[in-house]
Amino acid sequence: MDKKIYDDLTRIKQGTDLGTELMAEHDPVFFAALKAFYADGVLGRENSSIPRATKEMVIMVSAAAKRSWDGLRRHMAKALDHGAKPREVLEFLEAASINAGVPVIWRGSQMLAEELKKRRMMFE
């Protein structure tokens, strides 16, 4: 495993899991390509014209559209971590619900309320 590639992806991804560790150890060629795409090309891209918070909200609503509620929650938290305002998160969910369906706004707004409560943040 290339420790620098692993550490870079973990930093950009804001965490790791057993699957990440398994890929890094057992398929370092694929892992390096994944890091180049995920970290260097998208989320960690330097001089990007799109802020990281916005990218996280796009990923959040994509996950919600696929009914990946864990993905919605994880990327919502990351969007807030990177400076998204609660109203921006809510409006992304509202827009996504047009094509993805009402469950996106019901579940998403519930998750947003839970996340704000956990962080002791007010809706602004």
N, C-alpha and C. Protein backbone atom coordinates (compact mmCIF):
# COMPACT_ATOMS: atom_id res chain seq x y z
N MET A 1 0.84 -1.18 0.00
CA MET A 1 0.00 0.00 0.00
C MET A 1 0.89 1.24 0.00
N ASP A 2 0.54 2.19 -0.86
CA ASP A 2 1.23 3.47 -0.88
C ASP A 2 0.60 4.36 0.18
N LYS A 3 1.32 4.57 1.25
CA LYS A 3 0.79 5.29 2.42
C LYS A 3 0.39 6.73 2.07
N LYS A 4 1.14 7.40 1.20
CA LYS A 4 0.80 8.78 0.84
C LYS A 4 -0.52 8.83 0.09
N ILE A 5 -0.71 7.94 -0.87
CA ILE A 5 -1.97 7.92 -1.63
C ILE A 5 -3.13 7.63 -0.68
N TYR A 6 -2.94 6.65 0.20
CA TYR A 6 -3.97 6.28 1.17
C TYR A 6 -4.30 7.48 2.07
N ASP A 7 -3.29 8.12 2.61
CA ASP A 7 -3.51 9.26 3.51
C ASP A 7 -4.18 10.43 2.79
N ASP A 8 -3.79 10.68 1.55
CA ASP A 8 -4.39 11.77 0.77
C ASP A 8 -5.88 11.51 0.55
N LEU A 9 -6.22 10.28 0.14
CA LEU A 9 -7.63 9.97 -0.10
C LEU A 9 -8.42 10.02 1.19
N THR A 10 -7.86 9.51 2.26
CA THR A 10 -8.54 9.52 3.55
C THR A 10 -8.80 10.95 4.02
N ARG A 11 -7.85 11.83 3.79
CA ARG A 11 -8.01 13.24 4.17
C ARG A 11 -9.14 13.89 3.37
N ILE A 12 -9.13 13.71 2.07
CA ILE A 12 -10.15 14.31 1.21
C ILE A 12 -11.51 13.68 1.48
N LYS A 13 -11.53 12.38 1.66
CA LYS A 13 -12.77 11.64 1.91
C LYS A 13 -13.31 11.92 3.31
N GLN A 14 -12.47 12.45 4.17
CA GLN A 14 -12.80 12.74 5.56
C GLN A 14 -13.11 11.46 6.33
N GLY A 15 -12.26 10.48 6.17
CA GLY A 15 -12.43 9.24 6.90
C GLY A 15 -12.07 8.05 6.06
N THR A 16 -12.16 6.91 6.67
CA THR A 16 -11.82 5.67 5.99
C THR A 16 -12.77 4.57 6.46
N ASP A 17 -12.69 3.44 5.81
CA ASP A 17 -13.48 2.28 6.20
C ASP A 17 -12.71 1.03 5.80
N LEU A 18 -13.23 -0.10 6.16
CA LEU A 18 -12.52 -1.36 5.86
C LEU A 18 -12.39 -1.60 4.36
N GLY A 19 -13.39 -1.19 3.59
CA GLY A 19 -13.31 -1.36 2.15
C GLY A 19 -12.19 -0.55 1.53
N THR A 20 -12.03 0.67 2.02
CA THR A 20 -10.94 1.53 1.54
C THR A 20 -9.60 0.89 1.84
N GLU A 21 -9.47 0.39 3.06
CA GLU A 21 -8.22 -0.26 3.46
C GLU A 21 -7.95 -1.50 2.61
N LEU A 22 -9.00 -2.30 2.36
CA LEU A 22 -8.83 -3.51 1.56
C LEU A 22 -8.37 -3.17 0.14
N MET A 23 -9.01 -2.19 -0.48
CA MET A 23 -8.61 -1.79 -1.84
C MET A 23 -7.16 -1.31 -1.87
N ALA A 24 -6.82 -0.44 -0.92
CA ALA A 24 -5.47 0.12 -0.89
C ALA A 24 -4.42 -0.97 -0.75
N GLU A 25 -4.71 -1.96 0.05
CA GLU A 25 -3.74 -3.02 0.30
C GLU A 25 -3.68 -4.04 -0.82
N HIS A 26 -4.84 -4.42 -1.35
CA HIS A 26 -4.88 -5.55 -2.29
C HIS A 26 -4.98 -5.17 -3.76
N ASP A 27 -5.29 -3.93 -4.06
CA ASP A 27 -5.30 -3.49 -5.45
C ASP A 27 -4.81 -2.05 -5.53
N PRO A 28 -3.52 -1.85 -5.27
CA PRO A 28 -2.98 -0.48 -5.21
C PRO A 28 -3.07 0.27 -6.54
N VAL A 29 -3.07 -0.43 -7.67
CA VAL A 29 -3.18 0.25 -8.97
C VAL A 29 -4.57 0.87 -9.10
N PHE A 30 -5.60 0.08 -8.80
CA PHE A 30 -6.97 0.61 -8.85
C PHE A 30 -7.15 1.73 -7.82
N PHE A 31 -6.61 1.51 -6.63
CA PHE A 31 -6.75 2.50 -5.57
C PHE A 31 -6.13 3.84 -5.97
N ALA A 32 -4.99 3.81 -6.60
CA ALA A 32 -4.34 5.05 -7.06
C ALA A 32 -5.20 5.75 -8.10
N ALA A 33 -5.83 4.97 -9.01
CA ALA A 33 -6.71 5.56 -10.02
C ALA A 33 -7.96 6.15 -9.37
N LEU A 34 -8.50 5.46 -8.39
CA LEU A 34 -9.67 5.95 -7.66
C LEU A 34 -9.34 7.26 -6.94
N LYS A 35 -8.19 7.30 -6.31
CA LYS A 35 -7.76 8.51 -5.60
C LYS A 35 -7.60 9.66 -6.59
N ALA A 36 -7.03 9.38 -7.76
CA ALA A 36 -6.85 10.42 -8.77
C ALA A 36 -8.20 11.00 -9.20
N PHE A 37 -9.20 10.14 -9.37
CA PHE A 37 -10.53 10.59 -9.77
C PHE A 37 -11.24 11.29 -8.62
N TYR A 38 -11.40 10.58 -7.52
CA TYR A 38 -12.22 11.03 -6.38
C TYR A 38 -11.61 12.26 -5.70
N ALA A 39 -10.34 12.16 -5.37
CA ALA A 39 -9.70 13.22 -4.58
C ALA A 39 -9.12 14.32 -5.45
N ASP A 40 -8.30 13.96 -6.43
CA ASP A 40 -7.61 14.97 -7.23
C ASP A 40 -8.53 15.60 -8.28
N GLY A 41 -9.39 14.79 -8.88
CA GLY A 41 -10.21 15.28 -9.97
C GLY A 41 -11.52 15.91 -9.56
N VAL A 42 -12.06 15.51 -8.41
CA VAL A 42 -13.39 16.01 -8.03
C VAL A 42 -13.35 16.75 -6.69
N LEU A 43 -13.32 16.03 -5.59
CA LEU A 43 -13.52 16.67 -4.29
C LEU A 43 -12.34 17.52 -3.82
N GLY A 44 -11.13 17.09 -4.08
CA GLY A 44 -9.97 17.84 -3.61
C GLY A 44 -9.31 18.69 -4.66
N ARG A 45 -10.00 18.88 -5.76
CA ARG A 45 -9.43 19.61 -6.90
C ARG A 45 -9.07 21.04 -6.51
N GLU A 46 -7.81 21.37 -6.72
CA GLU A 46 -7.36 22.72 -6.41
C GLU A 46 -7.86 23.69 -7.46
N ASN A 47 -8.16 24.90 -7.05
CA ASN A 47 -8.66 25.95 -7.93
C ASN A 47 -9.96 25.57 -8.64
N SER A 48 -10.77 24.76 -7.99
CA SER A 48 -12.06 24.37 -8.56
C SER A 48 -12.99 25.58 -8.59
N SER A 49 -13.82 25.66 -9.61
CA SER A 49 -14.77 26.77 -9.68
C SER A 49 -16.01 26.49 -8.84
N ILE A 50 -16.17 25.24 -8.37
CA ILE A 50 -17.31 24.86 -7.54
C ILE A 50 -16.81 24.58 -6.13
N PRO A 51 -17.38 25.26 -5.13
CA PRO A 51 -16.94 25.02 -3.75
C PRO A 51 -17.22 23.58 -3.30
N ARG A 52 -16.41 23.10 -2.39
CA ARG A 52 -16.56 21.73 -1.87
C ARG A 52 -17.95 21.52 -1.27
N ALA A 53 -18.49 22.50 -0.57
CA ALA A 53 -19.82 22.35 0.02
C ALA A 53 -20.86 22.07 -1.07
N THR A 54 -20.77 22.77 -2.19
CA THR A 54 -21.72 22.56 -3.29
C THR A 54 -21.55 21.17 -3.88
N LYS A 55 -20.32 20.73 -4.05
CA LYS A 55 -20.08 19.38 -4.57
C LYS A 55 -20.69 18.33 -3.64
N GLU A 56 -20.54 18.55 -2.34
CA GLU A 56 -21.11 17.60 -1.38
C GLU A 56 -22.63 17.58 -1.45
N MET A 57 -23.25 18.74 -1.70
CA MET A 57 -24.71 18.77 -1.83
C MET A 57 -25.18 18.09 -3.11
N VAL A 58 -24.42 18.20 -4.17
CA VAL A 58 -24.76 17.48 -5.40
C VAL A 58 -24.69 15.97 -5.15
N ILE A 59 -23.64 15.53 -4.49
CA ILE A 59 -23.50 14.11 -4.15
C ILE A 59 -24.64 13.69 -3.21
N MET A 60 -24.98 14.56 -2.26
CA MET A 60 -26.06 14.29 -1.30
C MET A 60 -27.38 14.02 -2.02
N VAL A 61 -27.76 14.90 -2.96
CA VAL A 61 -29.04 14.70 -3.62
C VAL A 61 -28.99 13.54 -4.62
N SER A 62 -27.83 13.26 -5.17
CA SER A 62 -27.70 12.08 -6.03
C SER A 62 -27.92 10.82 -5.21
N ALA A 63 -27.35 10.79 -4.02
CA ALA A 63 -27.55 9.64 -3.13
C ALA A 63 -29.03 9.53 -2.75
N ALA A 64 -29.65 10.66 -2.44
CA ALA A 64 -31.07 10.65 -2.06
C ALA A 64 -31.94 10.13 -3.19
N ALA A 65 -31.63 10.54 -4.42
CA ALA A 65 -32.41 10.08 -5.57
C ALA A 65 -32.32 8.57 -5.74
N LYS A 66 -31.21 8.00 -5.31
CA LYS A 66 -31.03 6.54 -5.39
C LYS A 66 -31.54 5.84 -4.13
N ARG A 67 -32.11 6.61 -3.22
CA ARG A 67 -32.60 6.11 -1.93
C ARG A 67 -31.48 5.57 -1.07
N SER A 68 -30.30 6.15 -1.23
CA SER A 68 -29.17 5.82 -0.38
C SER A 68 -29.19 6.81 0.78
N TRP A 69 -30.00 6.49 1.79
CA TRP A 69 -30.20 7.41 2.90
C TRP A 69 -28.92 7.62 3.71
N ASP A 70 -28.09 6.58 3.83
CA ASP A 70 -26.81 6.74 4.51
C ASP A 70 -25.92 7.72 3.75
N GLY A 71 -25.92 7.63 2.42
CA GLY A 71 -25.14 8.55 1.60
C GLY A 71 -25.65 9.97 1.73
N LEU A 72 -26.97 10.13 1.76
CA LEU A 72 -27.55 11.45 1.94
C LEU A 72 -27.07 12.04 3.26
N ARG A 73 -27.16 11.28 4.33
CA ARG A 73 -26.77 11.77 5.66
C ARG A 73 -25.27 12.11 5.70
N ARG A 74 -24.45 11.23 5.16
CA ARG A 74 -23.00 11.43 5.20
C ARG A 74 -22.58 12.68 4.42
N HIS A 75 -23.13 12.86 3.23
CA HIS A 75 -22.73 14.00 2.40
C HIS A 75 -23.40 15.30 2.85
N MET A 76 -24.55 15.20 3.49
CA MET A 76 -25.14 16.38 4.11
C MET A 76 -24.21 16.90 5.21
N ALA A 77 -23.73 16.00 6.05
CA ALA A 77 -22.81 16.39 7.13
C ALA A 77 -21.54 17.01 6.55
N LYS A 78 -21.02 16.40 5.49
CA LYS A 78 -19.80 16.95 4.88
C LYS A 78 -20.07 18.32 4.26
N ALA A 79 -21.24 18.51 3.67
CA ALA A 79 -21.58 19.82 3.11
C ALA A 79 -21.59 20.88 4.21
N LEU A 80 -22.21 20.55 5.34
CA LEU A 80 -22.22 21.48 6.47
C LEU A 80 -20.81 21.71 7.00
N ASP A 81 -20.00 20.65 7.06
CA ASP A 81 -18.61 20.78 7.49
C ASP A 81 -17.84 21.77 6.62
N HIS A 82 -18.20 21.81 5.34
CA HIS A 82 -17.47 22.66 4.40
C HIS A 82 -18.16 24.01 4.17
N GLY A 83 -19.09 24.35 5.05
CA GLY A 83 -19.65 25.70 5.03
C GLY A 83 -21.01 25.88 4.40
N ALA A 84 -21.67 24.80 4.00
CA ALA A 84 -23.02 24.96 3.47
C ALA A 84 -23.94 25.47 4.58
N LYS A 85 -24.84 26.34 4.22
CA LYS A 85 -25.84 26.84 5.16
C LYS A 85 -27.02 25.86 5.18
N PRO A 86 -27.66 25.71 6.33
CA PRO A 86 -28.82 24.81 6.39
C PRO A 86 -29.87 25.10 5.33
N ARG A 87 -30.13 26.38 5.05
CA ARG A 87 -31.12 26.71 4.01
C ARG A 87 -30.67 26.21 2.64
N GLU A 88 -29.37 26.28 2.34
CA GLU A 88 -28.87 25.75 1.07
C GLU A 88 -29.11 24.25 0.97
N VAL A 89 -28.83 23.55 2.06
CA VAL A 89 -29.05 22.09 2.08
C VAL A 89 -30.53 21.80 1.82
N LEU A 90 -31.42 22.51 2.53
CA LEU A 90 -32.85 22.29 2.36
C LEU A 90 -33.29 22.58 0.93
N GLU A 91 -32.77 23.65 0.34
CA GLU A 91 -33.18 23.99 -1.03
C GLU A 91 -32.65 22.97 -2.05
N PHE A 92 -31.48 22.41 -1.81
CA PHE A 92 -31.00 21.33 -2.68
C PHE A 92 -31.94 20.13 -2.59
N LEU A 93 -32.37 19.81 -1.38
CA LEU A 93 -33.30 18.69 -1.20
C LEU A 93 -34.64 18.98 -1.88
N GLU A 94 -35.11 20.21 -1.74
CA GLU A 94 -36.38 20.57 -2.39
C GLU A 94 -36.28 20.44 -3.90
N ALA A 95 -35.19 20.92 -4.47
CA ALA A 95 -35.01 20.83 -5.92
C ALA A 95 -34.91 19.37 -6.36
N ALA A 96 -34.20 18.56 -5.59
CA ALA A 96 -34.05 17.14 -5.94
C ALA A 96 -35.38 16.42 -5.89
N SER A 97 -36.27 16.86 -5.01
CA SER A 97 -37.54 16.15 -4.86
C SER A 97 -38.44 16.30 -6.09
N ILE A 98 -38.17 17.28 -6.93
CA ILE A 98 -38.97 17.44 -8.15
C ILE A 98 -38.89 16.18 -9.00
N ASN A 99 -37.69 15.70 -9.26
CA ASN A 99 -37.53 14.49 -10.07
C ASN A 99 -37.38 13.22 -9.25
N ALA A 100 -36.83 13.34 -8.05
CA ALA A 100 -36.53 12.14 -7.25
C ALA A 100 -37.69 11.73 -6.35
N GLY A 101 -38.66 12.60 -6.15
CA GLY A 101 -39.83 12.24 -5.37
C GLY A 101 -39.88 12.86 -3.99
N VAL A 102 -41.08 12.86 -3.45
CA VAL A 102 -41.35 13.46 -2.15
C VAL A 102 -40.55 12.82 -1.01
N PRO A 103 -40.26 11.50 -1.04
CA PRO A 103 -39.47 10.94 0.06
C PRO A 103 -38.12 11.64 0.27
N VAL A 104 -37.57 12.21 -0.79
CA VAL A 104 -36.30 12.92 -0.67
C VAL A 104 -36.45 14.11 0.27
N ILE A 105 -37.51 14.88 0.13
CA ILE A 105 -37.67 16.04 1.00
C ILE A 105 -38.10 15.62 2.40
N TRP A 106 -38.97 14.61 2.51
CA TRP A 106 -39.38 14.17 3.85
C TRP A 106 -38.20 13.63 4.63
N ARG A 107 -37.50 12.67 4.04
CA ARG A 107 -36.34 12.07 4.74
C ARG A 107 -35.22 13.08 4.91
N GLY A 108 -34.96 13.83 3.85
CA GLY A 108 -33.87 14.79 3.90
C GLY A 108 -34.06 15.87 4.93
N SER A 109 -35.27 16.42 5.02
CA SER A 109 -35.50 17.48 6.01
C SER A 109 -35.43 16.92 7.43
N GLN A 110 -35.86 15.68 7.61
CA GLN A 110 -35.74 15.04 8.92
C GLN A 110 -34.26 14.87 9.28
N MET A 111 -33.47 14.41 8.33
CA MET A 111 -32.03 14.23 8.58
C MET A 111 -31.35 15.57 8.84
N LEU A 112 -31.77 16.61 8.12
CA LEU A 112 -31.20 17.93 8.34
C LEU A 112 -31.52 18.42 9.75
N ALA A 113 -32.76 18.25 10.19
CA ALA A 113 -33.13 18.65 11.55
C ALA A 113 -32.31 17.90 12.58
N GLU A 114 -32.11 16.59 12.37
CA GLU A 114 -31.31 15.79 13.29
C GLU A 114 -29.86 16.26 13.31
N GLU A 115 -29.31 16.55 12.14
CA GLU A 115 -27.92 16.99 12.04
C GLU A 115 -27.73 18.34 12.73
N LEU A 116 -28.68 19.24 12.53
CA LEU A 116 -28.58 20.56 13.16
C LEU A 116 -28.68 20.44 14.68
N LYS A 117 -29.57 19.58 15.14
CA LYS A 117 -29.71 19.36 16.59
C LYS A 117 -28.42 18.79 17.16
N LYS A 118 -27.85 17.81 16.48
CA LYS A 118 -26.60 17.20 16.93
C LYS A 118 -25.48 18.24 17.02
N ARG A 119 -25.45 19.14 16.07
CA ARG A 119 -24.40 20.18 16.03
C ARG A 119 -24.75 21.41 16.85
N ARG A 120 -25.95 21.42 17.40
CA ARG A 120 -26.46 22.59 18.12
C ARG A 120 -26.43 23.84 17.23
N MET A 121 -26.84 23.63 15.99
CA MET A 121 -26.90 24.73 15.01
C MET A 121 -28.34 25.17 14.83
N MET A 122 -28.52 26.43 14.57
CA MET A 122 -29.82 26.97 14.26
C MET A 122 -30.02 26.96 12.74
N PHE A 123 -31.26 26.86 12.32
CA PHE A 123 -31.57 26.99 10.89
C PHE A 123 -31.50 28.46 10.56
N GLU A 124 -30.70 28.79 9.56
CA GLU A 124 -30.55 30.18 9.18
C GLU A 124 -30.95 30.38 7.75
